[in-house]
Amino acid sequence: MADKVITFTDQEQMQVESIVIDKDGMEALRFLAGLLDRLKGHGSHACGPKPA
């Protein structure tokens, strides 16, 4: 499995800080759901991405 590097924008970093400070569980779940989408591999092959 390939290593993945996730970088956060300044806005995303501020969002994480806000979630931690506010202890906002629902916002944390939304943020993690978006993060998981970024972590998932995107299927592709030599001819390009898979059609939907």
N, C-alpha and C. Protein backbone atom coordinates (compact mmCIF):
# COMPACT_ATOMS: atom_id res chain seq x y z
N MET A 1 0.85 -1.18 0.00
CA MET A 1 0.00 0.00 0.00
C MET A 1 0.89 1.24 0.00
N ALA A 2 0.53 2.20 -0.81
CA ALA A 2 1.31 3.42 -0.92
C ALA A 2 1.11 4.31 0.30
N ASP A 3 2.17 5.02 0.65
CA ASP A 3 2.06 6.00 1.73
C ASP A 3 1.26 7.19 1.21
N LYS A 4 0.50 7.80 2.10
CA LYS A 4 -0.27 8.98 1.74
C LYS A 4 0.13 10.12 2.67
N VAL A 5 0.19 11.30 2.12
CA VAL A 5 0.48 12.48 2.90
C VAL A 5 -0.72 13.42 2.76
N ILE A 6 -1.29 13.78 3.88
CA ILE A 6 -2.42 14.72 3.88
C ILE A 6 -1.90 16.05 4.39
N THR A 7 -2.12 17.08 3.61
CA THR A 7 -1.75 18.42 4.07
C THR A 7 -3.03 19.20 4.30
N PHE A 8 -3.01 20.02 5.30
CA PHE A 8 -4.17 20.82 5.66
C PHE A 8 -3.93 22.27 5.27
N THR A 9 -4.96 22.89 4.75
CA THR A 9 -4.88 24.32 4.46
C THR A 9 -4.96 25.08 5.79
N ASP A 10 -4.67 26.35 5.74
CA ASP A 10 -4.80 27.17 6.95
C ASP A 10 -6.23 27.13 7.47
N GLN A 11 -7.20 27.16 6.53
CA GLN A 11 -8.61 27.14 6.92
C GLN A 11 -8.94 25.82 7.62
N GLU A 12 -8.43 24.70 7.11
CA GLU A 12 -8.69 23.40 7.73
C GLU A 12 -8.05 23.32 9.11
N GLN A 13 -6.88 23.87 9.25
CA GLN A 13 -6.22 23.88 10.57
C GLN A 13 -7.04 24.68 11.58
N MET A 14 -7.56 25.80 11.14
CA MET A 14 -8.40 26.61 12.03
C MET A 14 -9.68 25.86 12.37
N GLN A 15 -10.22 25.11 11.40
CA GLN A 15 -11.44 24.33 11.64
C GLN A 15 -11.18 23.27 12.71
N VAL A 16 -10.04 22.59 12.63
CA VAL A 16 -9.70 21.57 13.63
C VAL A 16 -9.57 22.22 15.01
N GLU A 17 -8.89 23.35 15.09
CA GLU A 17 -8.74 24.05 16.36
C GLU A 17 -10.10 24.43 16.92
N SER A 18 -10.98 24.92 16.07
CA SER A 18 -12.32 25.31 16.51
C SER A 18 -13.09 24.11 17.03
N ILE A 19 -12.99 22.98 16.36
CA ILE A 19 -13.68 21.77 16.80
C ILE A 19 -13.19 21.36 18.18
N VAL A 20 -11.88 21.40 18.37
CA VAL A 20 -11.31 20.98 19.66
C VAL A 20 -11.72 21.95 20.76
N ILE A 21 -11.63 23.24 20.48
CA ILE A 21 -11.97 24.24 21.51
C ILE A 21 -13.45 24.16 21.88
N ASP A 22 -14.33 24.02 20.87
CA ASP A 22 -15.77 23.99 21.11
C ASP A 22 -16.28 22.62 21.54
N LYS A 23 -15.44 21.59 21.38
CA LYS A 23 -15.84 20.21 21.67
C LYS A 23 -17.11 19.86 20.90
N ASP A 24 -17.13 20.23 19.62
CA ASP A 24 -18.29 20.04 18.75
C ASP A 24 -18.22 18.66 18.09
N GLY A 25 -18.92 17.70 18.63
CA GLY A 25 -18.88 16.33 18.14
C GLY A 25 -19.41 16.17 16.73
N MET A 26 -20.51 16.83 16.41
CA MET A 26 -21.09 16.71 15.07
C MET A 26 -20.17 17.31 14.01
N GLU A 27 -19.59 18.44 14.31
CA GLU A 27 -18.66 19.06 13.37
C GLU A 27 -17.42 18.19 13.20
N ALA A 28 -16.97 17.57 14.27
CA ALA A 28 -15.82 16.66 14.19
C ALA A 28 -16.13 15.49 13.27
N LEU A 29 -17.33 14.93 13.38
CA LEU A 29 -17.70 13.82 12.51
C LEU A 29 -17.75 14.24 11.05
N ARG A 30 -18.27 15.43 10.79
CA ARG A 30 -18.31 15.93 9.40
C ARG A 30 -16.90 16.11 8.86
N PHE A 31 -16.02 16.66 9.69
CA PHE A 31 -14.64 16.87 9.26
C PHE A 31 -13.96 15.53 8.98
N LEU A 32 -14.16 14.56 9.86
CA LEU A 32 -13.55 13.24 9.67
C LEU A 32 -14.09 12.53 8.44
N ALA A 33 -15.37 12.70 8.15
CA ALA A 33 -15.95 12.09 6.96
C ALA A 33 -15.27 12.65 5.70
N GLY A 34 -15.05 13.94 5.68
CA GLY A 34 -14.34 14.56 4.56
C GLY A 34 -12.90 14.09 4.47
N LEU A 35 -12.27 13.92 5.62
CA LEU A 35 -10.89 13.45 5.66
C LEU A 35 -10.80 12.02 5.14
N LEU A 36 -11.75 11.18 5.51
CA LEU A 36 -11.75 9.80 5.03
C LEU A 36 -11.90 9.74 3.52
N ASP A 37 -12.69 10.64 2.95
CA ASP A 37 -12.81 10.70 1.49
C ASP A 37 -11.46 11.01 0.86
N ARG A 38 -10.68 11.86 1.50
CA ARG A 38 -9.37 12.20 0.97
C ARG A 38 -8.39 11.04 1.11
N LEU A 39 -8.57 10.21 2.14
CA LEU A 39 -7.66 9.09 2.37
C LEU A 39 -7.93 7.91 1.46
N LYS A 40 -9.17 7.76 1.02
CA LYS A 40 -9.52 6.63 0.15
C LYS A 40 -8.78 6.75 -1.17
N GLY A 41 -8.35 5.60 -1.66
CA GLY A 41 -7.71 5.57 -2.97
C GLY A 41 -8.75 5.80 -4.05
N HIS A 42 -8.34 6.46 -5.09
CA HIS A 42 -9.23 6.69 -6.22
C HIS A 42 -8.84 5.72 -7.31
N GLY A 43 -9.77 4.84 -7.67
CA GLY A 43 -9.49 3.83 -8.67
C GLY A 43 -9.17 4.42 -10.03
N SER A 44 -8.07 3.97 -10.61
CA SER A 44 -7.72 4.40 -11.95
C SER A 44 -6.88 3.29 -12.57
N HIS A 45 -6.70 3.38 -13.86
CA HIS A 45 -5.88 2.41 -14.55
C HIS A 45 -5.11 3.14 -15.64
N ALA A 46 -4.37 2.41 -16.46
CA ALA A 46 -3.48 3.03 -17.44
C ALA A 46 -4.20 3.94 -18.43
N CYS A 47 -5.48 3.66 -18.66
CA CYS A 47 -6.24 4.46 -19.64
C CYS A 47 -6.97 5.64 -19.01
N GLY A 48 -6.80 5.84 -17.71
CA GLY A 48 -7.46 6.95 -17.04
C GLY A 48 -8.36 6.45 -15.94
N PRO A 49 -9.12 7.34 -15.32
CA PRO A 49 -9.99 6.96 -14.20
C PRO A 49 -11.14 6.06 -14.67
N LYS A 50 -11.65 5.27 -13.73
CA LYS A 50 -12.78 4.41 -14.04
C LYS A 50 -14.02 5.25 -14.31
N PRO A 51 -14.82 4.84 -15.28
CA PRO A 51 -16.07 5.58 -15.51
C PRO A 51 -17.06 5.33 -14.36
N ALA A 52 -17.91 6.28 -14.13
CA ALA A 52 -18.87 6.18 -13.02
C ALA A 52 -19.96 5.20 -13.30
